[in-house]
Amino acid sequence: MNGITMKLNVDELIMNALREDITSEDITTNSVMPEKRAGEVELICKQDGIIAGLGVFKRVFELLDKDTEFISNVKDGDEVKNGEKIGTVRGDIRVLLSGERTALNYLQRMSGIATYTHSIVKLLEGCNTKLLDTRKTTPNMRVFEKYAVKVGGGCNHRYNLSDGILLKDNHIGAAGGVKEAVRLAREYAPFVRKIEIEVENLDMLRDALDAGADIIMLDNMSVDDMREAVKLTKGRAETECSGNVTRENIGKLVDIGVDYISSGALTHSAPIMDLSLKNLHAI
């Protein structure tokens, strides 16, 4: 994340997280460190993985005190190892103590998502299928979680409801059918927008193709039906496979030939990466 992105989209979210953790004061820190004193603390990795969110980690401390310094030994996207010293935070000891948990929460969550995403991307090596995330994100964490997916080697689906058209089962029901849903979306949307529609069987797929949908999402279909769907769709639309895709079951989807595989698990089921701030001392 660059500086402009951070200030426009991230600073307010980080401040809200800090306010959640410090409603009036950090009573523990103030009891043992009543006055400003310079110090430093080490950021240690406690398991192997892909690091993501170093800029956000740094920003937490900067928002508490602009003079805080973070010296990093790695960059987002790097592989890190258990026991590795990732960097050092220097500044007012009170800031280091008060910002520790919030900064680690972001870094652990984002690194966990990047690590999990990377492990699935490796399973797709050798095929032309791209891995996508979804909107199944933690409220007020989407910008961080989708960034982490990219760091892990995945691709972002639409960011939010204003970002793209995706007609799902309830939209189809509201419109009165597949063809009618695509027609209404085509009439309403700007010509630069692609129209994606979710289908659950081959009959719905045929209707979507006849209606001129740009992307067909094959939702919770059998492997055999998805193979047939790819054949029927060839050259007429792009295809996306979706529905409870995880690291454990994605292997059976690799050779189907879809353009995209989307997985909500990238953001809602990735475990955190274990990281810690250790060896705090005055300087």
Protein backbone atom coordinates (compact mmCIF):
# COMPACT_ATOMS: atom_id res chain seq x y z
CA MET A 1 0.00 0.00 0.00
CA ASN A 2 1.40 3.39 -0.96
CA GLY A 3 1.19 6.54 1.15
CA ILE A 4 -1.83 7.96 -0.67
CA THR A 5 -3.80 4.72 -0.31
CA MET A 6 -2.86 4.59 3.36
CA LYS A 7 -4.06 8.12 4.11
CA LEU A 8 -7.26 7.93 2.05
CA ASN A 9 -8.45 4.43 2.88
CA VAL A 10 -6.58 3.02 5.84
CA ASP A 11 -5.71 5.64 8.46
CA GLU A 12 -9.30 6.03 9.69
CA LEU A 13 -9.73 2.26 9.99
CA ILE A 14 -6.51 1.95 11.97
CA MET A 15 -7.53 4.82 14.23
CA ASN A 16 -10.86 3.10 14.91
CA ALA A 17 -8.99 -0.07 15.84
CA LEU A 18 -6.75 1.89 18.19
CA ARG A 19 -9.77 3.61 19.76
CA GLU A 20 -11.34 0.20 20.30
CA ASP A 21 -8.26 -0.85 22.27
CA ILE A 22 -7.61 2.46 24.06
CA THR A 23 -10.87 4.17 25.03
CA SER A 24 -9.27 6.67 27.39
CA GLU A 25 -5.78 5.53 28.35
CA ASP A 26 -3.50 2.50 28.45
CA ILE A 27 -3.67 2.13 32.21
CA THR A 28 -1.14 -0.71 32.36
CA THR A 29 1.53 1.11 30.36
CA ASN A 30 0.99 4.41 32.15
CA SER A 31 1.44 2.69 35.50
CA VAL A 32 4.90 1.32 34.66
CA MET A 33 6.08 4.05 32.23
CA PRO A 34 4.62 7.40 33.31
CA GLU A 35 7.11 9.49 31.29
CA LYS A 36 8.43 9.36 27.73
CA ARG A 37 11.49 7.17 27.28
CA ALA A 38 13.14 5.92 24.09
CA GLY A 39 13.24 2.20 23.47
CA GLU A 40 13.12 -0.52 20.87
CA VAL A 41 11.48 -3.89 20.41
CA GLU A 42 12.10 -6.74 17.94
CA LEU A 43 9.50 -8.20 15.58
CA ILE A 44 10.00 -11.97 15.56
CA CYS A 45 8.44 -14.57 13.25
CA LYS A 46 7.30 -17.73 15.03
CA GLN A 47 6.37 -19.83 11.99
CA ASP A 48 7.19 -20.13 8.29
CA GLY A 49 5.03 -18.17 5.87
CA ILE A 50 4.53 -15.14 3.64
CA ILE A 51 4.70 -11.75 5.32
CA ALA A 52 2.06 -9.14 4.44
CA GLY A 53 1.00 -5.87 6.04
CA LEU A 54 4.32 -4.36 7.11
CA GLY A 55 3.19 -0.88 6.04
CA VAL A 56 0.01 -1.20 8.11
CA PHE A 57 2.01 -2.51 11.08
CA LYS A 58 4.29 0.52 10.85
CA ARG A 59 1.39 2.92 10.42
CA VAL A 60 -0.22 1.87 13.71
CA PHE A 61 2.78 3.18 15.63
CA GLU A 62 3.13 6.27 13.45
CA LEU A 63 -0.46 7.30 14.14
CA LEU A 64 0.29 7.14 17.86
CA ASP A 65 3.55 9.06 17.42
CA LYS A 66 4.91 10.23 14.06
CA ASP A 67 8.48 9.92 15.33
CA THR A 68 8.23 6.13 15.74
CA GLU A 69 10.61 4.28 13.42
CA PHE A 70 10.23 0.78 11.97
CA ILE A 71 13.33 -0.80 10.45
CA SER A 72 12.28 -3.84 8.41
CA ASN A 73 14.57 -6.62 7.22
CA VAL A 74 12.00 -7.97 4.74
CA LYS A 75 9.25 -6.68 2.42
CA ASP A 76 5.66 -7.74 1.80
CA GLY A 77 5.54 -10.98 -0.16
CA ASP A 78 8.83 -12.34 1.20
CA GLU A 79 8.99 -15.82 2.66
CA VAL A 80 9.91 -15.72 6.34
CA LYS A 81 11.05 -18.48 8.65
CA ASN A 82 10.33 -19.50 12.23
CA GLY A 83 12.68 -17.62 14.54
CA GLU A 84 13.60 -14.96 12.00
CA LYS A 85 13.96 -11.35 13.17
CA ILE A 86 11.75 -9.41 10.75
CA GLY A 87 12.51 -5.93 12.02
CA THR A 88 12.82 -3.48 14.88
CA VAL A 89 10.46 -0.78 16.15
CA ARG A 90 12.04 2.24 17.85
CA GLY A 91 10.38 5.10 19.68
CA ASP A 92 8.65 6.12 22.87
CA ILE A 93 8.31 2.98 24.97
CA ARG A 94 4.75 3.99 25.85
CA VAL A 95 3.85 3.97 22.14
CA LEU A 96 5.53 0.60 21.58
CA LEU A 97 3.52 -0.92 24.40
CA SER A 98 0.18 0.68 23.56
CA GLY A 99 0.35 -0.05 19.83
CA GLU A 100 1.71 -3.59 20.09
CA ARG A 101 -1.53 -5.56 20.02
CA THR A 102 -3.27 -3.60 17.28
CA ALA A 103 -0.18 -3.65 15.06
CA LEU A 104 0.28 -7.38 15.52
CA ASN A 105 -3.42 -8.10 14.94
CA TYR A 106 -3.18 -6.54 11.49
CA LEU A 107 0.15 -8.13 10.59
CA GLN A 108 -0.79 -11.60 11.83
CA ARG A 109 -4.14 -11.57 10.03
CA MET A 110 -2.76 -10.25 6.75
CA SER A 111 0.26 -12.56 6.78
CA GLY A 112 -1.98 -15.53 7.51
CA ILE A 113 -4.14 -14.72 4.48
CA ALA A 114 -1.10 -14.21 2.26
CA THR A 115 0.38 -17.52 3.44
CA TYR A 116 -2.83 -19.48 2.88
CA THR A 117 -3.37 -17.86 -0.54
CA HIS A 118 0.19 -18.64 -1.57
CA SER A 119 -0.26 -22.30 -0.65
CA ILE A 120 -3.30 -22.55 -2.96
CA VAL A 121 -1.67 -20.60 -5.80
CA LYS A 122 1.14 -23.18 -5.78
CA LEU A 123 -1.45 -25.91 -6.37
CA LEU A 124 -2.58 -24.07 -9.53
CA GLU A 125 0.90 -23.84 -11.02
CA GLY A 126 1.02 -25.10 -14.60
CA CYS A 127 -2.57 -24.19 -15.49
CA ASN A 128 -4.07 -20.95 -16.80
CA THR A 129 -6.68 -20.63 -14.07
CA LYS A 130 -6.48 -17.56 -11.80
CA LEU A 131 -7.36 -17.67 -8.12
CA LEU A 132 -9.85 -15.02 -6.93
CA ASP A 133 -11.03 -13.85 -3.53
CA THR A 134 -14.63 -12.89 -2.66
CA ARG A 135 -16.57 -10.37 -0.56
CA LYS A 136 -16.59 -12.81 2.35
CA THR A 137 -14.34 -10.57 4.38
CA THR A 138 -14.28 -9.36 7.97
CA PRO A 139 -16.29 -6.12 8.34
CA ASN A 140 -13.98 -3.07 8.17
CA MET A 141 -11.06 -5.33 7.21
CA ARG A 142 -11.71 -5.74 3.47
CA VAL A 143 -8.99 -3.37 2.24
CA PHE A 144 -6.42 -5.21 4.37
CA GLU A 145 -7.60 -8.72 3.55
CA LYS A 146 -7.87 -8.21 -0.19
CA TYR A 147 -4.43 -6.62 -0.23
CA ALA A 148 -3.08 -9.70 1.57
CA VAL A 149 -4.60 -11.97 -1.08
CA LYS A 150 -2.66 -10.08 -3.76
CA VAL A 151 0.56 -10.31 -1.75
CA GLY A 152 0.02 -14.08 -1.55
CA GLY A 153 -0.24 -14.33 -5.35
CA GLY A 154 -4.03 -14.36 -5.72
CA CYS A 155 -6.22 -11.92 -7.62
CA ASN A 156 -9.01 -9.68 -6.37
CA HIS A 157 -12.60 -10.17 -7.52
CA ARG A 158 -14.78 -7.05 -7.28
CA TYR A 159 -13.98 -4.95 -4.23
CA ASN A 160 -17.58 -4.12 -3.34
CA LEU A 161 -21.12 -3.85 -4.72
CA SER A 162 -20.27 -0.66 -6.60
CA ASP A 163 -17.32 -2.27 -8.33
CA GLY A 164 -19.01 -4.77 -10.64
CA ILE A 165 -22.17 -6.61 -11.62
CA LEU A 166 -22.62 -10.14 -10.30
CA LEU A 167 -26.13 -11.53 -10.64
CA LYS A 168 -26.61 -14.23 -8.00
CA ASP A 169 -29.53 -16.55 -7.31
CA ASN A 170 -31.62 -13.99 -5.47
CA HIS A 171 -31.03 -11.33 -8.12
CA ILE A 172 -32.19 -13.85 -10.72
CA GLY A 173 -35.25 -14.60 -8.63
CA ALA A 174 -36.03 -10.90 -8.23
CA ALA A 175 -35.70 -10.30 -11.98
CA GLY A 176 -37.79 -13.32 -12.96
CA GLY A 177 -35.14 -15.49 -14.60
CA VAL A 178 -31.64 -15.65 -16.01
CA LYS A 179 -32.34 -13.99 -19.35
CA GLU A 180 -34.39 -11.22 -17.79
CA ALA A 181 -31.71 -10.52 -15.16
CA VAL A 182 -28.99 -10.18 -17.80
CA ARG A 183 -31.22 -7.99 -19.97
CA LEU A 184 -32.05 -5.63 -17.12
CA ALA A 185 -28.42 -5.40 -16.04
CA ARG A 186 -27.34 -4.67 -19.60
CA GLU A 187 -29.88 -1.88 -19.88
CA TYR A 188 -28.94 -0.32 -16.55
CA ALA A 189 -25.16 -0.67 -16.47
CA PRO A 190 -22.64 1.50 -18.32
CA PHE A 191 -21.31 -0.15 -21.46
CA VAL A 192 -17.85 -0.52 -19.87
CA ARG A 193 -19.21 -2.91 -17.23
CA LYS A 194 -19.00 -6.65 -17.70
CA ILE A 195 -21.96 -8.70 -16.55
CA GLU A 196 -21.33 -11.83 -14.54
CA ILE A 197 -24.08 -14.25 -13.59
CA GLU A 198 -24.20 -17.24 -11.28
CA VAL A 199 -25.64 -20.50 -12.64
CA GLU A 200 -26.32 -23.76 -10.85
CA ASN A 201 -26.97 -26.13 -13.76
CA LEU A 202 -26.48 -26.49 -17.50
CA ASP A 203 -29.95 -25.18 -18.39
CA MET A 204 -29.22 -21.94 -16.56
CA LEU A 205 -25.85 -21.83 -18.31
CA ARG A 206 -27.48 -22.04 -21.74
CA ASP A 207 -29.87 -19.25 -20.82
CA ALA A 208 -26.98 -17.10 -19.63
CA LEU A 209 -25.05 -17.67 -22.83
CA ASP A 210 -28.09 -16.90 -24.98
CA ALA A 211 -28.57 -13.68 -23.00
CA GLY A 212 -25.00 -12.59 -23.68
CA ALA A 213 -23.48 -12.69 -20.20
CA ASP A 214 -19.76 -11.87 -20.17
CA ILE A 215 -18.74 -14.14 -17.29
CA ILE A 216 -20.49 -17.30 -16.08
CA MET A 217 -20.01 -18.38 -12.48
CA LEU A 218 -20.46 -22.12 -12.10
CA ASP A 219 -21.75 -22.36 -8.55
CA ASN A 220 -21.58 -25.65 -6.62
CA MET A 221 -21.86 -27.72 -9.79
CA SER A 222 -20.46 -31.24 -10.11
CA VAL A 223 -17.05 -31.66 -11.71
CA ASP A 224 -18.60 -33.41 -14.72
CA ASP A 225 -21.14 -30.62 -15.22
CA MET A 226 -18.41 -28.01 -14.95
CA ARG A 227 -16.39 -29.77 -17.62
CA GLU A 228 -19.43 -29.76 -19.89
CA ALA A 229 -20.11 -26.12 -19.03
CA VAL A 230 -16.59 -25.12 -20.08
CA LYS A 231 -17.10 -26.90 -23.42
CA LEU A 232 -20.45 -25.20 -24.02
CA THR A 233 -19.08 -21.80 -23.04
CA LYS A 234 -15.84 -21.93 -25.03
CA GLY A 235 -15.27 -18.59 -26.76
CA ARG A 236 -18.64 -17.16 -25.75
CA ALA A 237 -17.88 -16.07 -22.17
CA GLU A 238 -15.34 -16.43 -19.40
CA THR A 239 -15.95 -19.02 -16.71
CA GLU A 240 -15.53 -18.96 -12.96
CA CYS A 241 -15.83 -21.90 -10.57
CA SER A 242 -17.18 -21.17 -7.11
CA GLY A 243 -18.58 -22.95 -4.07
CA ASN A 244 -16.76 -24.01 -0.88
CA VAL A 245 -13.34 -24.08 -2.54
CA THR A 246 -10.50 -24.77 -0.09
CA ARG A 247 -6.88 -25.87 -0.18
CA GLU A 248 -8.05 -29.42 0.49
CA ASN A 249 -10.39 -29.76 -2.48
CA ILE A 250 -9.06 -27.38 -5.15
CA GLY A 251 -6.94 -30.14 -6.70
CA LYS A 252 -9.97 -31.71 -8.40
CA LEU A 253 -10.73 -28.39 -10.12
CA VAL A 254 -7.30 -27.71 -11.60
CA ASP A 255 -7.79 -29.39 -14.98
CA ILE A 256 -11.43 -28.43 -15.61
CA GLY A 257 -10.35 -25.48 -17.73
CA VAL A 258 -12.22 -22.60 -16.06
CA ASP A 259 -10.68 -19.13 -16.34
CA TYR A 260 -11.09 -18.38 -12.63
CA ILE A 261 -11.59 -20.18 -9.34
CA SER A 262 -12.97 -18.05 -6.48
CA SER A 263 -12.59 -18.99 -2.85
CA GLY A 264 -14.10 -17.29 0.18
CA ALA A 265 -11.79 -19.41 2.32
CA LEU A 266 -8.86 -17.15 1.41
CA THR A 267 -10.24 -14.49 3.72
CA HIS A 268 -12.71 -16.21 6.04
CA SER A 269 -10.76 -19.35 6.92
CA ALA A 270 -7.05 -18.51 6.77
CA PRO A 271 -5.34 -18.96 10.15
CA ILE A 272 -3.18 -16.13 11.44
CA MET A 273 0.60 -16.23 11.22
CA ASP A 274 2.24 -16.35 14.64
CA LEU A 275 4.31 -13.18 15.13
CA SER A 276 5.50 -11.49 18.27
CA LEU A 277 7.15 -8.32 19.58
CA LYS A 278 9.95 -9.34 21.95
CA ASN A 279 12.97 -8.05 23.85
CA LEU A 280 11.70 -4.55 24.59
CA HIS A 281 14.41 -2.42 26.18
CA ALA A 282 15.35 1.23 26.68
CA ILE A 283 17.95 2.83 24.40
